[in-house]
């Protein structure tokens, strides 16, 4: 048997608890899907050479996934997150952001990102043309983002296509973390209102907070008279930053904690000269 949990991750016959919610209006404004540390087992790599599995893969790394490509491999490589689906709505715009670290010796020279409905042996089955990620891919983490309008309604998978300047002359190691998919405008094809914060929230230091303690992930929302840029930083009890981003806004429901290990985290948010600090406990 196979099921998909509330985060979109696929699981097998082990017992799981699944909440059923109204599926008629997925992906409204304010409903972000986030992955601080993507799960490497939910990804596949593809290219159109018969030996694509020889030295090309997605592996777990410290705080990120490691996308590997072999020396003298194909000048193009797909990485597709087939184990985690995201619900989208046709006619609605989405911003996908992620932190990317390139290989120092044989770097990728181009990245396109798209919504896929599946994969075949040589690449992704795209729901619509992929979008080019702006250039500039150093061998240190930089935040990249693209915004495009979905032409389909339903479950999709993120698909990255990496291109190289010819066959890599050494083994390639690229890294991705802090993935987020956020609706950015109201869906023009739907009269339904934007999703409101969950009813089981508590107000802590000006933050509307979901379950705390929590198991997989929880939500926060910062109410404010206007929508302004929001910076978020999570640190563990050793003071190490485990996740941070500045791609969200106030009045937006944000999902935190997915992919992080069990433990206590201090979250700091900053917006329009204001600072909020609070504690989250993942069990």
Protein backbone atom coordinates (compact mmCIF):
# COMPACT_ATOMS: atom_id res chain seq x y z
CA UNK A 1 0.00 0.00 0.00
CA UNK A 2 1.09 3.58 -0.59
CA UNK A 3 -0.15 6.80 0.95
CA UNK A 4 0.74 10.48 0.87
CA UNK A 5 0.94 12.35 4.16
CA UNK A 6 0.00 15.97 4.84
CA UNK A 7 3.42 17.19 3.71
CA UNK A 8 3.10 15.44 0.36
CA UNK A 9 5.68 12.78 1.18
CA UNK A 10 5.07 9.24 -0.02
CA UNK A 11 5.14 6.40 2.46
CA UNK A 12 4.61 2.65 2.29
CA UNK A 13 2.73 0.16 4.43
CA UNK A 14 3.86 1.51 7.81
CA UNK A 15 0.97 2.96 9.82
CA UNK A 16 0.41 6.68 9.36
CA UNK A 17 -2.14 9.22 10.58
CA UNK A 18 -3.68 11.27 7.79
CA UNK A 19 -5.92 14.31 8.27
CA UNK A 20 -8.64 14.86 5.67
CA UNK A 21 -9.26 18.48 4.67
CA UNK A 22 -11.37 20.16 2.01
CA UNK A 23 -9.51 19.52 -1.29
CA UNK A 24 -11.63 21.82 -3.47
CA UNK A 25 -9.33 24.81 -3.24
CA UNK A 26 -5.69 23.72 -2.78
CA UNK A 27 -2.79 26.11 -2.87
CA UNK A 28 -4.49 29.40 -1.99
CA UNK A 29 -2.60 32.54 -1.07
CA UNK A 30 -0.78 32.22 2.24
CA UNK A 31 -0.40 28.43 2.12
CA UNK A 32 3.34 27.83 1.71
CA UNK A 33 4.98 24.43 1.40
CA UNK A 34 8.49 24.43 2.85
CA UNK A 35 11.37 21.96 3.10
CA UNK A 36 14.31 23.08 5.17
CA UNK A 37 16.14 19.82 4.50
CA UNK A 38 14.71 17.90 1.52
CA UNK A 39 14.55 14.11 1.80
CA UNK A 40 17.07 12.59 -0.63
CA UNK A 41 15.09 9.35 -0.89
CA UNK A 42 12.22 11.28 -2.51
CA UNK A 43 14.32 12.39 -5.50
CA UNK A 44 15.42 10.76 -8.75
CA UNK A 45 17.89 11.87 -11.43
CA UNK A 46 17.39 11.45 -15.17
CA UNK A 47 19.17 12.16 -18.46
CA UNK A 48 18.96 10.69 -21.95
CA UNK A 49 22.06 8.50 -21.75
CA UNK A 50 21.71 4.78 -21.11
CA UNK A 51 24.31 4.86 -18.31
CA UNK A 52 22.61 7.71 -16.42
CA UNK A 53 22.64 5.73 -13.16
CA UNK A 54 26.41 5.34 -13.26
CA UNK A 55 27.61 7.93 -10.74
CA UNK A 56 24.57 10.23 -10.86
CA UNK A 57 22.22 10.30 -7.85
CA UNK A 58 20.70 12.34 -5.03
CA UNK A 59 22.22 11.71 -1.60
CA UNK A 60 21.69 13.08 1.89
CA UNK A 61 24.13 15.69 3.12
CA UNK A 62 24.42 17.86 6.22
CA UNK A 63 21.37 20.15 6.08
CA UNK A 64 20.79 19.68 2.34
CA UNK A 65 20.52 17.21 -0.51
CA UNK A 66 23.60 16.45 -2.61
CA UNK A 67 22.90 16.12 -6.34
CA UNK A 68 25.71 14.09 -7.84
CA UNK A 69 26.73 13.74 -11.50
CA UNK A 70 29.55 11.62 -12.84
CA UNK A 71 32.71 12.77 -14.60
CA UNK A 72 32.24 12.94 -18.39
CA UNK A 73 28.50 12.54 -17.92
CA UNK A 74 25.68 14.01 -19.98
CA UNK A 75 25.78 17.84 -20.27
CA UNK A 76 22.20 17.86 -18.92
CA UNK A 77 20.79 16.34 -15.72
CA UNK A 78 17.27 16.30 -14.28
CA UNK A 79 16.59 16.11 -10.52
CA UNK A 80 12.91 15.40 -9.83
CA UNK A 81 11.21 15.23 -6.43
CA UNK A 82 8.87 12.36 -7.29
CA UNK A 83 8.27 11.36 -3.66
CA UNK A 84 6.66 14.63 -2.57
CA UNK A 85 3.68 16.18 -4.33
CA UNK A 86 2.41 19.77 -4.08
CA UNK A 87 -1.15 20.83 -4.86
CA UNK A 88 -1.46 23.77 -7.28
CA UNK A 89 -4.35 25.62 -8.91
CA UNK A 90 -4.53 26.63 -12.56
CA UNK A 91 -4.30 30.39 -13.06
CA UNK A 92 -2.52 31.06 -9.78
CA UNK A 93 1.04 32.36 -9.54
CA UNK A 94 3.64 30.61 -7.36
CA UNK A 95 7.10 31.62 -6.22
CA UNK A 96 9.52 28.74 -5.76
CA UNK A 97 12.68 29.61 -3.84
CA UNK A 98 15.64 27.51 -2.77
CA UNK A 99 19.23 27.79 -1.60
CA UNK A 100 21.71 26.42 -4.13
CA UNK A 101 25.43 25.64 -3.84
CA UNK A 102 27.25 24.84 -7.09
CA UNK A 103 30.20 22.54 -7.70
CA UNK A 104 33.51 24.41 -7.60
CA UNK A 105 35.34 22.41 -10.29
CA UNK A 106 32.61 21.46 -12.78
CA UNK A 107 29.76 23.88 -12.10
CA UNK A 108 26.30 23.88 -13.61
CA UNK A 109 25.99 26.86 -15.95
CA UNK A 110 22.19 26.91 -16.16
CA UNK A 111 19.13 25.81 -14.18
CA UNK A 112 15.50 25.58 -15.22
CA UNK A 113 12.70 24.74 -12.81
CA UNK A 114 9.27 23.38 -13.60
CA UNK A 115 6.14 21.66 -12.36
CA UNK A 116 6.11 17.99 -13.39
CA UNK A 117 3.32 15.43 -13.36
CA UNK A 118 5.79 12.54 -13.36
CA UNK A 119 9.00 11.26 -14.91
CA UNK A 120 10.15 9.03 -17.74
CA UNK A 121 13.51 7.35 -18.24
CA UNK A 122 15.17 10.47 -19.70
CA UNK A 123 13.59 13.36 -17.78
CA UNK A 124 10.52 15.02 -16.32
CA UNK A 125 7.00 15.05 -17.72
CA UNK A 126 6.33 18.77 -17.48
CA UNK A 127 2.87 20.19 -16.86
CA UNK A 128 4.02 23.40 -18.60
CA UNK A 129 7.29 24.85 -19.93
CA UNK A 130 9.99 25.16 -17.28
CA UNK A 131 11.21 28.58 -16.11
CA UNK A 132 14.84 29.70 -16.30
CA UNK A 133 16.49 30.49 -12.95
CA UNK A 134 18.47 33.74 -13.00
CA UNK A 135 22.18 33.24 -13.65
CA UNK A 136 24.92 33.38 -11.05
CA UNK A 137 25.59 30.02 -9.42
CA UNK A 138 28.64 30.26 -7.11
CA UNK A 139 30.16 27.45 -5.06
CA UNK A 140 28.52 28.89 -1.93
CA UNK A 141 24.87 28.99 -0.95
CA UNK A 142 22.77 31.65 -2.67
CA UNK A 143 19.00 31.98 -2.62
CA UNK A 144 17.31 31.58 -5.99
CA UNK A 145 13.65 32.06 -6.85
CA UNK A 146 11.35 31.90 -9.84
CA UNK A 147 7.71 32.92 -10.20
CA UNK A 148 5.32 31.51 -12.74
CA UNK A 149 1.61 30.87 -13.21
CA UNK A 150 0.34 27.30 -13.06
CA UNK A 151 -1.59 25.99 -16.07
CA UNK A 152 -2.80 22.89 -14.24
CA UNK A 153 -4.78 22.01 -11.12
CA UNK A 154 -3.78 19.08 -8.95
CA UNK A 155 -0.65 17.39 -7.68
CA UNK A 156 2.73 18.31 -9.19
CA UNK A 157 6.39 17.59 -8.43
CA UNK A 158 9.32 19.99 -8.52
CA UNK A 159 11.72 19.30 -11.39
CA UNK A 160 15.15 20.91 -11.76
CA UNK A 161 17.15 20.68 -14.98
CA UNK A 162 20.87 21.42 -14.71
CA UNK A 163 22.99 22.17 -17.77
CA UNK A 164 26.79 22.13 -18.00
CA UNK A 165 29.31 23.64 -20.38
CA UNK A 166 29.90 20.31 -22.09
CA UNK A 167 30.63 17.05 -20.30
CA UNK A 168 31.87 17.68 -16.74
CA UNK A 169 35.59 16.93 -16.53
CA UNK A 170 35.29 15.93 -12.86
CA UNK A 171 32.63 14.49 -10.58
CA UNK A 172 29.90 17.03 -9.77
CA UNK A 173 28.45 17.75 -6.33
CA UNK A 174 25.64 20.33 -6.09
CA UNK A 175 23.50 21.08 -3.02
CA UNK A 176 19.93 22.31 -2.46
CA UNK A 177 18.13 23.23 0.77
CA UNK A 178 15.41 25.56 2.10
CA UNK A 179 12.90 24.88 -0.68
CA UNK A 180 9.63 26.81 -0.48
CA UNK A 181 6.62 27.02 -2.77
CA UNK A 182 4.33 29.96 -2.03
CA UNK A 183 1.23 31.21 -3.86
CA UNK A 184 1.85 34.87 -4.64
CA UNK A 185 -1.45 36.15 -6.11
CA UNK A 186 -5.08 35.24 -5.81
CA UNK A 187 -6.26 32.53 -8.17
CA UNK A 188 -8.14 34.29 -10.97
CA UNK A 189 -10.12 31.11 -11.74
CA UNK A 190 -11.57 30.72 -8.26
CA UNK A 191 -13.98 32.82 -6.23
CA UNK A 192 -12.96 31.12 -2.99
CA UNK A 193 -11.23 33.30 -0.42
CA UNK A 194 -7.65 32.83 0.67
CA UNK A 195 -7.00 30.20 3.31
CA UNK A 196 -7.32 31.56 6.83
CA UNK A 197 -5.03 30.52 9.67
CA UNK A 198 -5.90 27.27 11.46
CA UNK A 199 -8.45 27.58 14.25
CA UNK A 200 -6.24 25.84 16.83
CA UNK A 201 -3.70 28.66 16.98
CA UNK A 202 -2.32 30.47 19.99
CA UNK A 203 -0.89 33.97 20.08
CA UNK A 204 2.73 34.12 21.30
CA UNK A 205 4.66 37.41 21.18
CA UNK A 206 2.44 38.68 18.40
CA UNK A 207 2.71 35.45 16.39
CA UNK A 208 -0.28 33.23 15.59
CA UNK A 209 1.19 29.78 16.20
CA UNK A 210 -0.11 26.31 15.34
CA UNK A 211 0.66 23.13 17.25
CA UNK A 212 3.60 23.46 19.66
CA UNK A 213 4.95 20.90 20.46
CA UNK A 214 4.49 19.41 16.99
CA UNK A 215 5.50 16.25 15.16
CA UNK A 216 6.13 16.82 11.43
CA UNK A 217 5.61 20.54 10.94
CA UNK A 218 3.67 23.46 12.37
CA UNK A 219 2.47 26.86 11.21
CA UNK A 220 3.03 30.48 12.10
CA UNK A 221 1.35 33.65 10.90
CA UNK A 222 2.22 37.23 11.86
CA UNK A 223 -0.80 39.54 11.59
CA UNK A 224 0.07 43.06 10.49
CA UNK A 225 -1.83 46.01 8.95
CA UNK A 226 0.04 45.55 5.65
CA UNK A 227 1.96 42.84 3.80
CA UNK A 228 5.68 43.45 4.35
CA UNK A 229 8.78 41.31 3.82
CA UNK A 230 9.39 38.89 6.67
CA UNK A 231 12.79 37.46 7.62
CA UNK A 232 12.78 34.17 9.54
CA UNK A 233 15.68 32.41 11.27
CA UNK A 234 15.65 29.10 13.18
CA UNK A 235 18.52 28.01 15.41
CA UNK A 236 18.98 24.86 17.45
CA UNK A 237 19.99 24.78 21.11
CA UNK A 238 23.66 24.90 20.09
CA UNK A 239 23.09 28.23 18.38
CA UNK A 240 23.50 26.74 14.90
CA UNK A 241 21.24 28.17 12.21
CA UNK A 242 19.25 25.26 10.77
CA UNK A 243 17.00 27.27 8.44
CA UNK A 244 16.47 30.87 7.39
CA UNK A 245 14.65 32.73 4.66
CA UNK A 246 13.44 36.18 3.65
CA UNK A 247 10.97 35.12 0.96
CA UNK A 248 7.76 35.36 3.02
CA UNK A 249 5.53 38.21 4.16
CA UNK A 250 3.37 39.11 7.13
CA UNK A 251 -0.24 37.86 7.02
CA UNK A 252 0.97 34.68 5.34
CA UNK A 253 0.65 31.17 6.80
CA UNK A 254 4.13 29.63 6.92
CA UNK A 255 4.92 25.97 7.55
CA UNK A 256 8.00 25.30 9.71
CA UNK A 257 9.87 22.23 10.88
CA UNK A 258 9.57 19.80 7.97
CA UNK A 259 12.79 17.82 7.54
CA UNK A 260 14.32 18.98 10.82
CA UNK A 261 15.30 16.49 13.54
CA UNK A 262 13.47 16.22 16.86
CA UNK A 263 14.52 18.98 19.23
CA UNK A 264 13.98 22.53 20.48
CA UNK A 265 14.41 25.50 18.15
CA UNK A 266 14.50 29.25 18.69
CA UNK A 267 12.74 31.19 15.93
CA UNK A 268 13.35 34.89 15.29
CA UNK A 269 11.25 36.91 12.86
CA UNK A 270 11.97 40.44 11.69
CA UNK A 271 9.71 42.73 9.67
CA UNK A 272 9.25 46.49 9.32
CA UNK A 273 11.51 47.23 12.30
CA UNK A 274 9.81 44.64 14.55
CA UNK A 275 11.42 41.52 16.04
CA UNK A 276 9.63 38.47 17.49
CA UNK A 277 11.35 35.53 19.19
CA UNK A 278 9.72 32.30 20.29
CA UNK A 279 10.50 28.62 20.90
CA UNK A 280 9.30 25.57 18.96
CA UNK A 281 9.53 21.97 20.13
CA UNK A 282 9.55 19.14 17.58
CA UNK A 283 8.75 15.71 19.03
